[in-house]
């Protein structure tokens, strides 16, 4: 499967509780932190929920 790199580029301050929990579930705790995940439907759904706070890069 393909992997994706997810980088948090905007702060979670002032966001809803569910958006904060989604960032936490992705493993993002700090600004500009990068994590790698497999591109599963569950992970892609979480990324879509916070797409305004993160940047995504696809890798093979």
C-alpha atoms as a PDB file:
ATOM      1  CA  UNK A   1       0.000   0.000   0.000  1.00  0.00           C
ATOM      2  CA  UNK A   2       0.989   3.593  -0.496  1.00  0.00           C
ATOM      3  CA  UNK A   3       2.016   5.683   2.458  1.00  0.00           C
ATOM      4  CA  UNK A   4       1.308   9.333   3.119  1.00  0.00           C
ATOM      5  CA  UNK A   5       3.153  11.955   5.132  1.00  0.00           C
ATOM      6  CA  UNK A   6       0.924  14.262   7.132  1.00  0.00           C
ATOM      7  CA  UNK A   7       2.302  17.574   8.425  1.00  0.00           C
ATOM      8  CA  UNK A   8       0.426  19.899  10.770  1.00  0.00           C
ATOM      9  CA  UNK A   9       0.688  23.436   9.387  1.00  0.00           C
ATOM     10  CA  UNK A  10      -2.019  25.287  11.339  1.00  0.00           C
ATOM     11  CA  UNK A  11      -2.713  25.464  15.045  1.00  0.00           C
ATOM     12  CA  UNK A  12      -5.490  23.538  16.772  1.00  0.00           C
ATOM     13  CA  UNK A  13      -6.201  26.453  19.115  1.00  0.00           C
ATOM     14  CA  UNK A  14      -9.822  27.501  18.826  1.00  0.00           C
ATOM     15  CA  UNK A  15     -10.839  24.368  16.891  1.00  0.00           C
ATOM     16  CA  UNK A  16     -13.593  21.991  17.883  1.00  0.00           C
ATOM     17  CA  UNK A  17     -12.949  19.146  20.268  1.00  0.00           C
ATOM     18  CA  UNK A  18     -13.421  16.554  17.514  1.00  0.00           C
ATOM     19  CA  UNK A  19     -10.824  18.225  15.289  1.00  0.00           C
ATOM     20  CA  UNK A  20      -8.331  18.266  18.153  1.00  0.00           C
ATOM     21  CA  UNK A  21      -8.999  14.581  18.852  1.00  0.00           C
ATOM     22  CA  UNK A  22      -8.554  13.770  15.159  1.00  0.00           C
ATOM     23  CA  UNK A  23      -5.138  15.453  15.104  1.00  0.00           C
ATOM     24  CA  UNK A  24      -4.210  13.507  18.235  1.00  0.00           C
ATOM     25  CA  UNK A  25      -5.382  10.248  16.649  1.00  0.00           C
ATOM     26  CA  UNK A  26      -3.165  10.956  13.648  1.00  0.00           C
ATOM     27  CA  UNK A  27      -0.226  11.374  16.044  1.00  0.00           C
ATOM     28  CA  UNK A  28       0.162  15.123  15.580  1.00  0.00           C
ATOM     29  CA  UNK A  29       0.954  17.015  18.762  1.00  0.00           C
ATOM     30  CA  UNK A  30       2.987  20.012  17.599  1.00  0.00           C
ATOM     31  CA  UNK A  31       3.022  22.436  14.709  1.00  0.00           C
ATOM     32  CA  UNK A  32       5.217  21.336  11.761  1.00  0.00           C
ATOM     33  CA  UNK A  33       5.365  17.769  13.074  1.00  0.00           C
ATOM     34  CA  UNK A  34       5.361  15.105  10.339  1.00  0.00           C
ATOM     35  CA  UNK A  35       3.983  11.582  10.712  1.00  0.00           C
ATOM     36  CA  UNK A  36       3.733   8.719   8.227  1.00  0.00           C
ATOM     37  CA  UNK A  37       0.668   6.518   7.821  1.00  0.00           C
ATOM     38  CA  UNK A  38      -0.540   3.920   5.368  1.00  0.00           C
ATOM     39  CA  UNK A  39      -3.171   5.332   3.025  1.00  0.00           C
ATOM     40  CA  UNK A  40      -6.119   3.360   4.412  1.00  0.00           C
ATOM     41  CA  UNK A  41      -9.690   4.643   4.086  1.00  0.00           C
ATOM     42  CA  UNK A  42      -9.829   5.359   7.837  1.00  0.00           C
ATOM     43  CA  UNK A  43      -6.681   7.486   7.791  1.00  0.00           C
ATOM     44  CA  UNK A  44      -7.741   9.302   4.615  1.00  0.00           C
ATOM     45  CA  UNK A  45     -11.077  10.103   6.264  1.00  0.00           C
ATOM     46  CA  UNK A  46      -9.329  11.567   9.304  1.00  0.00           C
ATOM     47  CA  UNK A  47      -7.079  13.657   7.063  1.00  0.00           C
ATOM     48  CA  UNK A  48     -10.131  14.919   5.153  1.00  0.00           C
ATOM     49  CA  UNK A  49     -11.752  16.004   8.434  1.00  0.00           C
ATOM     50  CA  UNK A  50      -8.796  18.274   9.278  1.00  0.00           C
ATOM     51  CA  UNK A  51      -7.606  19.093   5.747  1.00  0.00           C
ATOM     52  CA  UNK A  52      -7.522  22.820   6.570  1.00  0.00           C
ATOM     53  CA  UNK A  53      -4.951  22.177   9.346  1.00  0.00           C
ATOM     54  CA  UNK A  54      -2.584  19.737   7.597  1.00  0.00           C
ATOM     55  CA  UNK A  55      -0.574  19.190   4.435  1.00  0.00           C
ATOM     56  CA  UNK A  56      -0.417  15.743   2.842  1.00  0.00           C
ATOM     57  CA  UNK A  57       2.354  14.263   0.717  1.00  0.00           C
ATOM     58  CA  UNK A  58       1.991  10.899  -0.986  1.00  0.00           C
ATOM     59  CA  UNK A  59       4.938   8.511  -1.049  1.00  0.00           C
ATOM     60  CA  UNK A  60       5.266   5.019  -2.478  1.00  0.00           C
END
